[in-house]
Amino acid sequence: MLVRVPHAQPLIPGRLVDRYDRFIAEIELDSGARVRAHCVNPGRMEGQVRPGARAWLTKAPPASKRKLRYTWELVEEDGIIVGANTVAPNRVVAELLAARVLPGLRRFRGLRREVAYGERSRVDFVLDGATPHYIEVKNTHLRYPDARGYFPDSVSARATHHLEALSEVVASGAKATVLFTTQRPDVRAIRPSILHDPEFAAAARAAHAEGVRFRAVTIRPTLAAFEVLREIPVDLKIYETDEHERWRAEKLPWSGWRRDPRRRPS
């Protein structure tokens, strides 16, 4: 294990009822209460929107003015606990970088977060040193039967723009790394998803050719902490997607979201 990051707040267990309007998850707590939680993941969450699936939430502090008082953190898929919060990996990666355990990312004088750069871009981390090193974190939860994780799970023009901006950073003399995280322990490698976003996959290959580095780590979520287990390969090669079409279709019934029944018609 590379690093262990305890959860910032206690987890509250329950079961998923449904997902509405992308950002709302309805959960029945083990206490019997039914609550609505913020679903931080903007993607389709292929295979994870299963009514009755075990789910875990955190509660907002009493002083918070948030309308949704809970956040959906973890979900169980096929007997494995998977991270549902796509923001959580940034906190984990901050601890991972601070621990200086990844080769090539150990020597730096300072660590900055959420740094504006380029045109309309903001990078997750910058390692300050003789040569600044820009690090963009991309999270994936999607695993197919080939034991590979895929990013993204829907078209992401924003992610493609990030790759183009990182290429410009490298051209200016800095270093840049895309660090994929997969919030499940059963992934052996990461691939850009040609099926879900061919433009992103092509941009990844182009960025790599221009000097942007691609790396990945597996994170095992437990009910106590996030455990960063190991570094795994990133495979940027072109591949056929016939099998992936079938795998996606199998997950389709347990993906996406429905319109909120409480919402009044416009």
Protein backbone atom coordinates (compact mmCIF):
# COMPACT_ATOMS: atom_id res chain seq x y z
CA MET A 1 0.00 0.00 0.00
CA LEU A 2 1.31 3.46 -0.93
CA VAL A 3 -0.80 5.60 1.41
CA ARG A 4 -3.96 5.38 3.51
CA VAL A 5 -6.34 8.34 3.80
CA PRO A 6 -9.14 8.07 6.40
CA HIS A 7 -12.56 9.38 5.49
CA ALA A 8 -13.03 13.00 6.52
CA GLN A 9 -16.40 12.18 8.12
CA PRO A 10 -18.17 9.03 9.40
CA LEU A 11 -20.00 7.06 6.72
CA ILE A 12 -23.74 6.49 7.02
CA PRO A 13 -24.99 3.19 5.51
CA GLY A 14 -28.11 2.72 3.44
CA ARG A 15 -29.44 1.40 0.15
CA LEU A 16 -29.87 3.21 -3.15
CA VAL A 17 -33.46 3.94 -4.12
CA ASP A 18 -32.83 5.85 -7.36
CA ARG A 19 -30.85 8.64 -9.04
CA TYR A 20 -32.58 11.76 -10.31
CA ASP A 21 -31.59 14.61 -12.61
CA ARG A 22 -27.94 13.50 -12.57
CA PHE A 23 -27.00 15.12 -9.26
CA ILE A 24 -29.55 13.68 -6.78
CA ALA A 25 -29.42 10.22 -5.20
CA GLU A 26 -32.28 8.99 -3.05
CA ILE A 27 -31.07 6.67 -0.30
CA GLU A 28 -32.94 4.67 2.33
CA LEU A 29 -30.77 4.69 5.43
CA ASP A 30 -30.40 1.62 7.61
CA SER A 31 -32.27 3.62 10.26
CA GLY A 32 -35.32 3.55 7.96
CA ALA A 33 -35.24 7.24 7.03
CA ARG A 34 -35.23 8.14 3.34
CA VAL A 35 -32.94 11.04 2.37
CA ARG A 36 -31.65 12.78 -0.73
CA ALA A 37 -27.92 13.12 -1.30
CA HIS A 38 -25.71 15.05 -3.68
CA CYS A 39 -24.39 12.77 -6.43
CA VAL A 40 -21.01 14.35 -7.22
CA ASN A 41 -20.36 12.08 -10.21
CA PRO A 42 -21.61 13.86 -13.38
CA GLY A 43 -21.21 10.75 -15.58
CA ARG A 44 -23.56 7.87 -16.23
CA MET A 45 -22.10 5.64 -13.48
CA GLU A 46 -22.47 2.56 -15.68
CA GLY A 47 -23.68 -0.46 -13.74
CA GLN A 48 -23.82 1.37 -10.40
CA VAL A 49 -27.32 2.85 -10.35
CA ARG A 50 -28.94 -0.31 -9.02
CA PRO A 51 -31.95 0.14 -6.73
CA GLY A 52 -31.23 -1.74 -3.52
CA ALA A 53 -27.45 -1.54 -3.83
CA ARG A 54 -25.56 -0.83 -0.62
CA ALA A 55 -24.53 2.82 -0.47
CA TRP A 56 -22.75 5.05 2.03
CA LEU A 57 -23.20 8.76 2.65
CA THR A 58 -21.64 11.57 4.62
CA LYS A 59 -23.64 14.36 6.24
CA ALA A 60 -22.93 18.07 5.80
CA PRO A 61 -21.86 19.98 8.93
CA PRO A 62 -24.73 21.67 10.82
CA ALA A 63 -23.50 25.14 9.81
CA SER A 64 -23.53 24.29 6.09
CA LYS A 65 -26.16 26.07 3.97
CA ARG A 66 -26.35 23.22 1.47
CA LYS A 67 -29.83 22.23 0.34
CA LEU A 68 -28.85 18.55 0.06
CA ARG A 69 -27.58 17.64 3.52
CA TYR A 70 -25.87 14.40 2.42
CA THR A 71 -23.22 13.37 -0.13
CA TRP A 72 -23.14 9.97 -1.85
CA GLU A 73 -19.64 8.59 -1.19
CA LEU A 74 -19.50 4.83 -1.88
CA VAL A 75 -21.59 2.17 -3.59
CA GLU A 76 -21.37 -1.61 -3.82
CA GLU A 77 -21.13 -3.16 -7.29
CA ASP A 78 -20.85 -6.92 -7.74
CA GLY A 79 -19.70 -7.34 -4.15
CA ILE A 80 -17.00 -4.66 -4.36
CA ILE A 81 -17.08 -1.25 -2.69
CA VAL A 82 -16.54 1.45 -5.33
CA GLY A 83 -16.04 5.19 -4.88
CA ALA A 84 -19.02 7.23 -6.08
CA ASN A 85 -17.64 10.67 -5.21
CA THR A 86 -15.43 11.91 -8.06
CA VAL A 87 -14.01 14.76 -5.96
CA ALA A 88 -12.65 12.46 -3.24
CA PRO A 89 -9.61 11.32 -5.29
CA ASN A 90 -8.20 14.86 -5.28
CA ARG A 91 -7.93 14.74 -1.49
CA VAL A 92 -6.34 11.30 -1.73
CA VAL A 93 -3.86 12.40 -4.41
CA ALA A 94 -2.89 15.42 -2.29
CA GLU A 95 -1.89 13.01 0.48
CA LEU A 96 -0.17 10.70 -2.01
CA LEU A 97 1.94 13.52 -3.42
CA ALA A 98 2.76 14.87 0.03
CA ALA A 99 4.00 11.39 1.03
CA ARG A 100 6.47 11.47 -1.91
CA VAL A 101 6.07 7.76 -2.65
CA LEU A 102 5.58 7.84 -6.45
CA PRO A 103 8.82 7.71 -8.47
CA GLY A 104 9.23 10.85 -10.56
CA LEU A 105 6.89 12.82 -8.27
CA ARG A 106 9.05 12.93 -5.16
CA ARG A 107 11.34 15.91 -5.65
CA PHE A 108 9.61 19.27 -5.30
CA ARG A 109 9.84 22.32 -3.09
CA GLY A 110 6.15 23.13 -2.86
CA LEU A 111 2.74 21.70 -3.67
CA ARG A 112 -0.02 23.98 -4.94
CA ARG A 113 -3.66 23.08 -5.61
CA GLU A 114 -6.23 24.38 -8.11
CA VAL A 115 -3.81 26.55 -10.09
CA ALA A 116 -5.13 28.62 -13.01
CA TYR A 117 -3.16 28.31 -16.25
CA GLY A 118 -3.56 28.58 -20.01
CA GLU A 119 -6.87 29.73 -21.41
CA ARG A 120 -9.83 28.95 -19.12
CA SER A 121 -7.99 26.07 -17.43
CA ARG A 122 -7.29 25.11 -13.84
CA VAL A 123 -4.96 22.24 -12.99
CA ASP A 124 -5.41 20.11 -9.87
CA PHE A 125 -1.81 20.32 -8.64
CA VAL A 126 1.50 21.99 -9.44
CA LEU A 127 4.75 20.67 -8.02
CA ASP A 128 7.15 23.59 -7.76
CA GLY A 129 10.82 22.93 -8.38
CA ALA A 130 13.51 23.62 -10.94
CA THR A 131 10.87 22.77 -13.54
CA PRO A 132 7.19 23.16 -12.57
CA HIS A 133 5.20 19.93 -12.90
CA TYR A 134 1.47 20.19 -13.67
CA ILE A 135 -0.68 17.25 -12.53
CA GLU A 136 -4.25 16.70 -13.68
CA VAL A 137 -6.28 14.05 -11.80
CA LYS A 138 -8.89 12.05 -13.70
CA ASN A 139 -11.10 9.60 -11.83
CA THR A 140 -12.72 6.49 -13.24
CA HIS A 141 -15.04 3.91 -11.70
CA LEU A 142 -15.94 2.07 -14.92
CA ARG A 143 -14.50 -1.45 -15.24
CA TYR A 144 -15.24 -3.91 -18.01
CA PRO A 145 -14.68 -7.71 -18.00
CA ASP A 146 -11.21 -7.25 -19.50
CA ALA A 147 -10.18 -5.90 -16.04
CA ARG A 148 -9.39 -2.49 -17.48
CA GLY A 149 -10.79 0.80 -16.26
CA TYR A 150 -12.14 3.28 -18.83
CA PHE A 151 -12.29 7.07 -18.81
CA PRO A 152 -14.55 8.88 -19.46
CA ASP A 153 -17.94 7.12 -19.32
CA SER A 154 -19.57 9.83 -21.46
CA VAL A 155 -18.37 12.62 -23.75
CA SER A 156 -16.22 15.12 -21.83
CA ALA A 157 -15.19 18.15 -23.86
CA ARG A 158 -13.76 19.60 -20.65
CA ALA A 159 -11.37 16.67 -20.20
CA THR A 160 -10.23 16.96 -23.82
CA HIS A 161 -9.57 20.67 -23.32
CA HIS A 162 -7.42 19.82 -20.29
CA LEU A 163 -5.22 17.58 -22.44
CA GLU A 164 -4.76 20.30 -25.02
CA ALA A 165 -3.85 22.81 -22.30
CA LEU A 166 -1.33 20.40 -20.77
CA SER A 167 0.30 19.94 -24.18
CA GLU A 168 0.78 23.70 -24.34
CA VAL A 169 2.37 23.65 -20.88
CA VAL A 170 4.88 21.02 -22.02
CA ALA A 171 5.65 23.02 -25.16
CA SER A 172 6.51 25.98 -22.92
CA GLY A 173 9.13 23.93 -21.05
CA ALA A 174 7.21 22.61 -18.02
CA LYS A 175 6.29 19.01 -17.17
CA ALA A 176 2.75 17.63 -17.18
CA THR A 177 1.19 14.39 -15.99
CA VAL A 178 -2.34 13.05 -16.22
CA LEU A 179 -2.81 10.88 -13.13
CA PHE A 180 -5.78 8.53 -13.44
CA THR A 181 -7.29 7.17 -10.25
CA THR A 182 -9.65 4.22 -10.18
CA GLN A 183 -11.75 3.92 -7.02
CA ARG A 184 -11.91 0.13 -7.10
CA PRO A 185 -9.19 -2.47 -6.49
CA ASP A 186 -10.00 -4.87 -9.36
CA VAL A 187 -8.61 -2.79 -12.26
CA ARG A 188 -5.30 -3.87 -13.84
CA ALA A 189 -4.83 -0.99 -16.31
CA ILE A 190 -6.51 2.20 -17.54
CA ARG A 191 -7.58 3.04 -21.07
CA PRO A 192 -9.05 6.21 -22.56
CA SER A 193 -12.49 5.11 -23.72
CA ILE A 194 -12.72 5.14 -27.50
CA LEU A 195 -16.33 3.96 -27.18
CA HIS A 196 -17.54 6.74 -24.91
CA ASP A 197 -15.41 9.65 -26.14
CA PRO A 198 -13.22 9.01 -29.21
CA GLU A 199 -12.11 12.65 -29.25
CA PHE A 200 -10.69 12.37 -25.74
CA ALA A 201 -8.92 9.11 -26.65
CA ALA A 202 -7.37 10.74 -29.72
CA ALA A 203 -6.39 13.81 -27.68
CA ALA A 204 -4.68 11.54 -25.13
CA ARG A 205 -2.58 9.90 -27.81
CA ALA A 206 -1.68 13.31 -29.26
CA ALA A 207 -0.81 14.73 -25.83
CA HIS A 208 1.40 11.73 -25.06
CA ALA A 209 3.23 12.23 -28.36
CA GLU A 210 3.86 15.84 -27.34
CA GLY A 211 5.35 14.88 -23.98
CA VAL A 212 2.43 14.71 -21.53
CA ARG A 213 2.88 11.73 -19.22
CA PHE A 214 0.06 9.33 -18.31
CA ARG A 215 0.04 7.37 -15.05
CA ALA A 216 -2.56 5.63 -12.90
CA VAL A 217 -3.09 4.32 -9.37
CA THR A 218 -5.71 2.02 -7.87
CA ILE A 219 -7.62 3.14 -4.79
CA ARG A 220 -9.42 0.62 -2.57
CA PRO A 221 -12.27 2.33 -0.72
CA THR A 222 -13.10 0.76 2.62
CA LEU A 223 -15.58 1.87 5.27
CA ALA A 224 -12.69 3.42 7.19
CA ALA A 225 -10.38 4.91 4.56
CA PHE A 226 -9.15 5.16 0.98
CA GLU A 227 -6.15 2.89 0.45
CA VAL A 228 -3.88 3.67 -2.51
CA LEU A 229 -2.66 0.20 -3.43
CA ARG A 230 -0.32 0.44 -6.39
CA GLU A 231 0.54 2.09 -9.67
CA ILE A 232 -0.94 0.44 -12.76
CA PRO A 233 -0.26 0.93 -16.51
CA VAL A 234 -2.09 3.33 -18.83
CA ASP A 235 -2.75 1.83 -22.27
CA LEU A 236 -3.11 4.51 -24.96
CA LYS A 237 -3.13 2.17 -27.97
CA ILE A 238 -6.09 2.10 -30.39
CA TYR A 239 -8.40 -0.90 -29.91
CA GLU A 240 -11.60 -2.32 -31.37
CA THR A 241 -14.79 -1.58 -29.44
CA ASP A 242 -17.17 -4.39 -30.50
CA GLU A 243 -16.90 -6.14 -27.12
CA HIS A 244 -17.19 -2.83 -25.31
CA GLU A 245 -20.50 -2.09 -27.06
CA ARG A 246 -21.86 -5.35 -25.66
CA TRP A 247 -20.49 -4.70 -22.18
CA ARG A 248 -22.01 -1.24 -22.14
CA ALA A 249 -25.39 -2.62 -23.21
CA GLU A 250 -25.29 -5.11 -20.32
CA LYS A 251 -24.76 -2.26 -17.85
CA LEU A 252 -27.27 0.06 -19.48
CA PRO A 253 -30.27 -0.83 -17.24
CA TRP A 254 -28.22 0.21 -14.19
CA SER A 255 -26.83 3.47 -15.56
CA GLY A 256 -27.76 7.14 -15.83
CA TRP A 257 -30.65 8.81 -14.06
CA ARG A 258 -34.40 9.50 -14.22
CA ARG A 259 -36.28 12.75 -14.13
CA ASP A 260 -37.10 13.75 -10.57
CA PRO A 261 -40.78 12.87 -9.94
CA ARG A 262 -41.00 15.77 -7.48
CA ARG A 263 -40.01 18.26 -10.13
CA ARG A 264 -42.86 20.27 -11.54
CA PRO A 265 -43.25 20.22 -15.35
CA SER A 266 -41.93 23.42 -16.91
